[in-house]
């Protein structure tokens, strides 16, 4: 009986601790967003709208342009690079969409009246889709072209996209952080998957050559 009571006390304590931690995390999330959005320089709203609206066009155009170059030069390596970047975009978009409709987190401007909405923000909040595809593009591009003059501007742009979502009041900091992790993770996952597929393909070709 004493053991059962002690166990129940521990469960209750852990449950209470989890709830308090969750509430504190939510409070920190909102406080950071308020500092960014409520106290923002409104003269920069137009600039950040341009930045935020660039996420999808750049993420789509990047693999298309690289693939076109590969076609013109008849370079299969360049075409494969474009496919990898495109795959990273698709994977990140899929994961983000799935999580949005699973978590169904309310947009901050709907939940808090002092958060000002500076751009379109339909659907659910978690995670940030714009940030996700931007970081997927930046990460995959940097993995294929590991030069500082590619890496630095790519991640500067992706980070600016993430910040713009908070500046314009359509995402919490945790949404943006999750989007960045999902985007970068999607690029890494796509890279590993392609590497595994290519390895198996090469092994099959070797087997065919030896049997012939």
C-alpha atoms as a PDB file:
ATOM      1  CA  UNK A   1       0.000   0.000   0.000  1.00  0.00           C
ATOM      2  CA  UNK A   2       2.822   2.389   0.928  1.00  0.00           C
ATOM      3  CA  UNK A   3       4.693   1.501  -2.263  1.00  0.00           C
ATOM      4  CA  UNK A   4       1.561   2.190  -4.349  1.00  0.00           C
ATOM      5  CA  UNK A   5       1.007   5.527  -2.603  1.00  0.00           C
ATOM      6  CA  UNK A   6       4.636   6.528  -3.163  1.00  0.00           C
ATOM      7  CA  UNK A   7       4.407   5.559  -6.811  1.00  0.00           C
ATOM      8  CA  UNK A   8       1.242   7.628  -7.291  1.00  0.00           C
ATOM      9  CA  UNK A   9       2.916  10.599  -5.603  1.00  0.00           C
ATOM     10  CA  UNK A  10       5.868  10.338  -7.976  1.00  0.00           C
ATOM     11  CA  UNK A  11       3.543  10.138 -11.013  1.00  0.00           C
ATOM     12  CA  UNK A  12       1.596  13.165  -9.784  1.00  0.00           C
ATOM     13  CA  UNK A  13       4.826  15.100  -9.183  1.00  0.00           C
ATOM     14  CA  UNK A  14       6.152  14.272 -12.651  1.00  0.00           C
ATOM     15  CA  UNK A  15       2.821  15.234 -14.214  1.00  0.00           C
ATOM     16  CA  UNK A  16       2.806  18.552 -12.343  1.00  0.00           C
ATOM     17  CA  UNK A  17       6.457  19.195 -13.258  1.00  0.00           C
ATOM     18  CA  UNK A  18       5.706  18.527 -16.944  1.00  0.00           C
ATOM     19  CA  UNK A  19       2.708  20.884 -16.930  1.00  0.00           C
ATOM     20  CA  UNK A  20       4.667  23.665 -15.207  1.00  0.00           C
ATOM     21  CA  UNK A  21       7.617  23.224 -17.597  1.00  0.00           C
ATOM     22  CA  UNK A  22       5.244  23.325 -20.562  1.00  0.00           C
ATOM     23  CA  UNK A  23       3.600  26.499 -19.270  1.00  0.00           C
ATOM     24  CA  UNK A  24       6.978  28.154 -18.662  1.00  0.00           C
ATOM     25  CA  UNK A  25       8.160  27.195 -22.138  1.00  0.00           C
ATOM     26  CA  UNK A  26       4.971  28.647 -23.637  1.00  0.00           C
ATOM     27  CA  UNK A  27       5.430  31.850 -21.641  1.00  0.00           C
ATOM     28  CA  UNK A  28       9.034  32.212 -22.821  1.00  0.00           C
ATOM     29  CA  UNK A  29       7.905  31.528 -26.385  1.00  0.00           C
ATOM     30  CA  UNK A  30       5.290  34.291 -26.237  1.00  0.00           C
ATOM     31  CA  UNK A  31       7.605  36.738 -24.422  1.00  0.00           C
ATOM     32  CA  UNK A  32      10.284  36.396 -27.102  1.00  0.00           C
ATOM     33  CA  UNK A  33       7.694  36.842 -29.840  1.00  0.00           C
ATOM     34  CA  UNK A  34       6.316  39.963 -28.138  1.00  0.00           C
ATOM     35  CA  UNK A  35       9.799  41.474 -27.922  1.00  0.00           C
ATOM     36  CA  UNK A  36      10.268  40.877 -31.647  1.00  0.00           C
ATOM     37  CA  UNK A  37       6.786  41.690 -32.970  1.00  0.00           C
ATOM     38  CA  UNK A  38       5.238  44.264 -30.639  1.00  0.00           C
ATOM     39  CA  UNK A  39       8.446  46.294 -30.309  1.00  0.00           C
ATOM     40  CA  UNK A  40       9.452  45.958 -33.965  1.00  0.00           C
ATOM     41  CA  UNK A  41      10.469  48.727 -36.348  1.00  0.00           C
ATOM     42  CA  UNK A  42       7.334  48.867 -38.499  1.00  0.00           C
ATOM     43  CA  UNK A  43       9.231  50.623 -41.298  1.00  0.00           C
ATOM     44  CA  UNK A  44      10.929  47.263 -41.951  1.00  0.00           C
ATOM     45  CA  UNK A  45       7.631  45.401 -42.432  1.00  0.00           C
ATOM     46  CA  UNK A  46       7.790  45.765 -46.216  1.00  0.00           C
ATOM     47  CA  UNK A  47      11.352  44.447 -46.343  1.00  0.00           C
ATOM     48  CA  UNK A  48      10.502  41.441 -44.211  1.00  0.00           C
ATOM     49  CA  UNK A  49       7.426  40.722 -46.331  1.00  0.00           C
ATOM     50  CA  UNK A  50       9.720  40.522 -49.360  1.00  0.00           C
ATOM     51  CA  UNK A  51      12.060  38.208 -47.440  1.00  0.00           C
ATOM     52  CA  UNK A  52       9.240  35.977 -46.195  1.00  0.00           C
ATOM     53  CA  UNK A  53       7.636  35.778 -49.653  1.00  0.00           C
ATOM     54  CA  UNK A  54      10.961  34.747 -51.192  1.00  0.00           C
ATOM     55  CA  UNK A  55      11.048  31.384 -49.369  1.00  0.00           C
ATOM     56  CA  UNK A  56       8.872  29.389 -51.742  1.00  0.00           C
ATOM     57  CA  UNK A  57      10.002  30.905 -55.085  1.00  0.00           C
ATOM     58  CA  UNK A  58      13.715  30.561 -54.267  1.00  0.00           C
ATOM     59  CA  UNK A  59      13.279  27.032 -52.901  1.00  0.00           C
ATOM     60  CA  UNK A  60      11.516  25.968 -56.107  1.00  0.00           C
ATOM     61  CA  UNK A  61      13.699  27.953 -58.514  1.00  0.00           C
ATOM     62  CA  UNK A  62      17.029  26.732 -57.093  1.00  0.00           C
ATOM     63  CA  UNK A  63      16.734  23.056 -58.139  1.00  0.00           C
ATOM     64  CA  UNK A  64      15.031  24.016 -61.426  1.00  0.00           C
ATOM     65  CA  UNK A  65      17.852  26.372 -62.415  1.00  0.00           C
ATOM     66  CA  UNK A  66      20.551  23.877 -61.434  1.00  0.00           C
ATOM     67  CA  UNK A  67      18.778  21.099 -63.342  1.00  0.00           C
ATOM     68  CA  UNK A  68      18.498  23.341 -66.415  1.00  0.00           C
ATOM     69  CA  UNK A  69      22.246  23.990 -66.253  1.00  0.00           C
ATOM     70  CA  UNK A  70      22.803  20.243 -66.034  1.00  0.00           C
ATOM     71  CA  UNK A  71      20.631  19.697 -69.107  1.00  0.00           C
ATOM     72  CA  UNK A  72      22.442  22.367 -71.108  1.00  0.00           C
ATOM     73  CA  UNK A  73      25.875  21.036 -70.144  1.00  0.00           C
ATOM     74  CA  UNK A  74      24.688  17.419 -70.355  1.00  0.00           C
ATOM     75  CA  UNK A  75      26.132  16.946 -66.872  1.00  0.00           C
ATOM     76  CA  UNK A  76      24.494  14.139 -64.897  1.00  0.00           C
ATOM     77  CA  UNK A  77      26.231  15.185 -61.665  1.00  0.00           C
ATOM     78  CA  UNK A  78      24.673  18.640 -61.814  1.00  0.00           C
ATOM     79  CA  UNK A  79      21.265  17.140 -62.567  1.00  0.00           C
ATOM     80  CA  UNK A  80      21.601  14.787 -59.596  1.00  0.00           C
ATOM     81  CA  UNK A  81      22.481  17.770 -57.402  1.00  0.00           C
ATOM     82  CA  UNK A  82      19.300  19.516 -58.518  1.00  0.00           C
ATOM     83  CA  UNK A  83      17.235  16.411 -57.800  1.00  0.00           C
ATOM     84  CA  UNK A  84      18.727  16.150 -54.311  1.00  0.00           C
ATOM     85  CA  UNK A  85      17.879  19.789 -53.530  1.00  0.00           C
ATOM     86  CA  UNK A  86      14.367  19.267 -54.905  1.00  0.00           C
ATOM     87  CA  UNK A  87      13.919  16.110 -52.826  1.00  0.00           C
ATOM     88  CA  UNK A  88      14.980  17.985 -49.678  1.00  0.00           C
ATOM     89  CA  UNK A  89      12.315  20.597 -50.408  1.00  0.00           C
ATOM     90  CA  UNK A  90       9.589  17.959 -50.938  1.00  0.00           C
ATOM     91  CA  UNK A  91      10.526  15.999 -47.791  1.00  0.00           C
ATOM     92  CA  UNK A  92      10.568  19.134 -45.616  1.00  0.00           C
ATOM     93  CA  UNK A  93       7.231  20.309 -47.035  1.00  0.00           C
ATOM     94  CA  UNK A  94       5.662  16.894 -46.404  1.00  0.00           C
ATOM     95  CA  UNK A  95       6.883  16.636 -42.799  1.00  0.00           C
ATOM     96  CA  UNK A  96       5.879  20.228 -42.058  1.00  0.00           C
ATOM     97  CA  UNK A  97       2.379  19.772 -43.462  1.00  0.00           C
ATOM     98  CA  UNK A  98       1.893  16.522 -41.549  1.00  0.00           C
ATOM     99  CA  UNK A  99       2.947  18.147 -38.276  1.00  0.00           C
ATOM    100  CA  UNK A 100       0.749  21.199 -38.843  1.00  0.00           C
ATOM    101  CA  UNK A 101      -2.378  19.064 -39.144  1.00  0.00           C
ATOM    102  CA  UNK A 102      -1.287  16.826 -36.267  1.00  0.00           C
ATOM    103  CA  UNK A 103      -0.515  19.548 -33.707  1.00  0.00           C
ATOM    104  CA  UNK A 104      -3.074  22.128 -34.978  1.00  0.00           C
ATOM    105  CA  UNK A 105      -1.405  24.964 -33.071  1.00  0.00           C
ATOM    106  CA  UNK A 106      -3.211  28.270 -33.250  1.00  0.00           C
ATOM    107  CA  UNK A 107      -1.471  31.219 -34.912  1.00  0.00           C
ATOM    108  CA  UNK A 108      -0.043  33.719 -32.384  1.00  0.00           C
ATOM    109  CA  UNK A 109      -2.072  36.654 -33.746  1.00  0.00           C
ATOM    110  CA  UNK A 110      -5.241  34.581 -33.165  1.00  0.00           C
ATOM    111  CA  UNK A 111      -4.217  33.559 -29.646  1.00  0.00           C
ATOM    112  CA  UNK A 112      -2.905  36.946 -28.440  1.00  0.00           C
ATOM    113  CA  UNK A 113      -4.568  40.253 -29.300  1.00  0.00           C
ATOM    114  CA  UNK A 114      -1.352  42.295 -28.917  1.00  0.00           C
ATOM    115  CA  UNK A 115       0.489  40.298 -31.617  1.00  0.00           C
ATOM    116  CA  UNK A 116       0.183  42.172 -34.889  1.00  0.00           C
ATOM    117  CA  UNK A 117      -0.268  40.202 -38.107  1.00  0.00           C
ATOM    118  CA  UNK A 118       1.970  41.673 -40.821  1.00  0.00           C
ATOM    119  CA  UNK A 119       1.401  39.185 -43.632  1.00  0.00           C
ATOM    120  CA  UNK A 120      -0.867  36.342 -44.696  1.00  0.00           C
ATOM    121  CA  UNK A 121      -0.930  33.482 -42.224  1.00  0.00           C
ATOM    122  CA  UNK A 122      -3.579  30.885 -43.060  1.00  0.00           C
ATOM    123  CA  UNK A 123      -3.721  27.434 -41.495  1.00  0.00           C
ATOM    124  CA  UNK A 124      -1.901  26.268 -38.395  1.00  0.00           C
ATOM    125  CA  UNK A 125       1.244  27.598 -36.776  1.00  0.00           C
ATOM    126  CA  UNK A 126       3.564  24.707 -35.828  1.00  0.00           C
ATOM    127  CA  UNK A 127       6.048  24.314 -37.456  1.00  0.00           C
ATOM    128  CA  UNK A 128       6.985  27.185 -39.780  1.00  0.00           C
ATOM    129  CA  UNK A 129       6.717  25.970 -43.377  1.00  0.00           C
ATOM    130  CA  UNK A 130       8.559  28.973 -44.808  1.00  0.00           C
ATOM    131  CA  UNK A 131      11.488  28.393 -42.443  1.00  0.00           C
ATOM    132  CA  UNK A 132      11.457  24.661 -43.146  1.00  0.00           C
ATOM    133  CA  UNK A 133      11.765  24.933 -46.949  1.00  0.00           C
ATOM    134  CA  UNK A 134      14.295  27.776 -46.657  1.00  0.00           C
ATOM    135  CA  UNK A 135      16.591  25.735 -44.413  1.00  0.00           C
ATOM    136  CA  UNK A 136      16.101  22.614 -46.551  1.00  0.00           C
ATOM    137  CA  UNK A 137      17.292  24.599 -49.577  1.00  0.00           C
ATOM    138  CA  UNK A 138      20.161  26.277 -47.705  1.00  0.00           C
ATOM    139  CA  UNK A 139      21.375  23.010 -46.167  1.00  0.00           C
ATOM    140  CA  UNK A 140      21.162  20.893 -49.327  1.00  0.00           C
ATOM    141  CA  UNK A 141      22.802  23.645 -51.394  1.00  0.00           C
ATOM    142  CA  UNK A 142      25.609  23.965 -48.842  1.00  0.00           C
ATOM    143  CA  UNK A 143      26.134  20.202 -48.741  1.00  0.00           C
ATOM    144  CA  UNK A 144      26.526  20.071 -52.515  1.00  0.00           C
ATOM    145  CA  UNK A 145      28.613  23.238 -52.785  1.00  0.00           C
ATOM    146  CA  UNK A 146      30.565  23.470 -49.485  1.00  0.00           C
ATOM    147  CA  UNK A 147      32.111  26.872 -50.150  1.00  0.00           C
ATOM    148  CA  UNK A 148      31.864  29.790 -47.719  1.00  0.00           C
ATOM    149  CA  UNK A 149      30.407  32.054 -50.400  1.00  0.00           C
ATOM    150  CA  UNK A 150      27.548  29.550 -50.834  1.00  0.00           C
ATOM    151  CA  UNK A 151      27.076  28.551 -47.190  1.00  0.00           C
ATOM    152  CA  UNK A 152      27.117  32.056 -45.644  1.00  0.00           C
ATOM    153  CA  UNK A 153      24.506  33.734 -47.893  1.00  0.00           C
ATOM    154  CA  UNK A 154      22.339  30.594 -47.990  1.00  0.00           C
ATOM    155  CA  UNK A 155      21.985  30.363 -44.227  1.00  0.00           C
ATOM    156  CA  UNK A 156      21.798  34.151 -43.830  1.00  0.00           C
ATOM    157  CA  UNK A 157      18.806  34.126 -46.175  1.00  0.00           C
ATOM    158  CA  UNK A 158      17.187  31.128 -44.442  1.00  0.00           C
ATOM    159  CA  UNK A 159      17.690  32.761 -41.019  1.00  0.00           C
ATOM    160  CA  UNK A 160      16.202  36.013 -42.326  1.00  0.00           C
ATOM    161  CA  UNK A 161      13.150  34.081 -43.535  1.00  0.00           C
ATOM    162  CA  UNK A 162      12.754  32.550 -40.075  1.00  0.00           C
ATOM    163  CA  UNK A 163      13.114  35.905 -38.333  1.00  0.00           C
ATOM    164  CA  UNK A 164      10.646  37.517 -40.739  1.00  0.00           C
ATOM    165  CA  UNK A 165       7.958  35.043 -39.662  1.00  0.00           C
ATOM    166  CA  UNK A 166       8.285  36.275 -36.071  1.00  0.00           C
ATOM    167  CA  UNK A 167       8.673  39.945 -37.014  1.00  0.00           C
ATOM    168  CA  UNK A 168       5.420  39.722 -38.964  1.00  0.00           C
ATOM    169  CA  UNK A 169       3.648  37.952 -36.101  1.00  0.00           C
ATOM    170  CA  UNK A 170       2.656  34.745 -37.886  1.00  0.00           C
ATOM    171  CA  UNK A 171       4.878  32.287 -35.992  1.00  0.00           C
ATOM    172  CA  UNK A 172       6.224  31.624 -32.507  1.00  0.00           C
ATOM    173  CA  UNK A 173      10.007  31.237 -32.001  1.00  0.00           C
ATOM    174  CA  UNK A 174       9.462  27.504 -31.362  1.00  0.00           C
ATOM    175  CA  UNK A 175       7.691  27.227 -34.735  1.00  0.00           C
ATOM    176  CA  UNK A 176      10.693  28.778 -36.446  1.00  0.00           C
ATOM    177  CA  UNK A 177      13.212  26.651 -34.529  1.00  0.00           C
ATOM    178  CA  UNK A 178      11.289  23.476 -35.394  1.00  0.00           C
ATOM    179  CA  UNK A 179      11.093  24.570 -39.035  1.00  0.00           C
ATOM    180  CA  UNK A 180      14.858  25.096 -39.186  1.00  0.00           C
ATOM    181  CA  UNK A 181      15.514  21.665 -37.657  1.00  0.00           C
ATOM    182  CA  UNK A 182      13.038  19.948 -39.986  1.00  0.00           C
ATOM    183  CA  UNK A 183      14.441  21.704 -43.056  1.00  0.00           C
ATOM    184  CA  UNK A 184      18.075  20.890 -42.271  1.00  0.00           C
ATOM    185  CA  UNK A 185      17.122  17.381 -41.160  1.00  0.00           C
ATOM    186  CA  UNK A 186      15.191  16.780 -44.383  1.00  0.00           C
ATOM    187  CA  UNK A 187      18.263  17.700 -46.436  1.00  0.00           C
ATOM    188  CA  UNK A 188      20.436  15.340 -44.388  1.00  0.00           C
ATOM    189  CA  UNK A 189      17.840  12.566 -44.619  1.00  0.00           C
ATOM    190  CA  UNK A 190      17.577  12.999 -48.396  1.00  0.00           C
ATOM    191  CA  UNK A 191      21.371  12.947 -48.673  1.00  0.00           C
ATOM    192  CA  UNK A 192      21.638   9.690 -46.712  1.00  0.00           C
ATOM    193  CA  UNK A 193      18.768   8.131 -48.664  1.00  0.00           C
ATOM    194  CA  UNK A 194      20.357   9.011 -52.007  1.00  0.00           C
ATOM    195  CA  UNK A 195      23.697   7.682 -50.834  1.00  0.00           C
ATOM    196  CA  UNK A 196      22.073   4.387 -49.802  1.00  0.00           C
ATOM    197  CA  UNK A 197      20.195   4.084 -53.122  1.00  0.00           C
ATOM    198  CA  UNK A 198      23.344   4.829 -55.141  1.00  0.00           C
ATOM    199  CA  UNK A 199      25.346   2.311 -53.111  1.00  0.00           C
ATOM    200  CA  UNK A 200      22.785  -0.443 -53.731  1.00  0.00           C
ATOM    201  CA  UNK A 201      22.595   0.488 -57.416  1.00  0.00           C
ATOM    202  CA  UNK A 202      26.371   0.283 -57.789  1.00  0.00           C
ATOM    203  CA  UNK A 203      26.460  -3.096 -56.030  1.00  0.00           C
ATOM    204  CA  UNK A 204      23.755  -4.439 -58.355  1.00  0.00           C
ATOM    205  CA  UNK A 205      25.712  -3.258 -61.397  1.00  0.00           C
ATOM    206  CA  UNK A 206      28.836  -4.992 -60.094  1.00  0.00           C
ATOM    207  CA  UNK A 207      26.898  -8.228 -59.604  1.00  0.00           C
ATOM    208  CA  UNK A 208      25.501  -8.005 -63.138  1.00  0.00           C
ATOM    209  CA  UNK A 209      28.978  -7.423 -64.580  1.00  0.00           C
ATOM    210  CA  UNK A 210      30.450 -10.424 -62.759  1.00  0.00           C
ATOM    211  CA  UNK A 211      27.598 -12.707 -63.794  1.00  0.00           C
ATOM    212  CA  UNK A 212      27.913 -11.614 -67.421  1.00  0.00           C
END
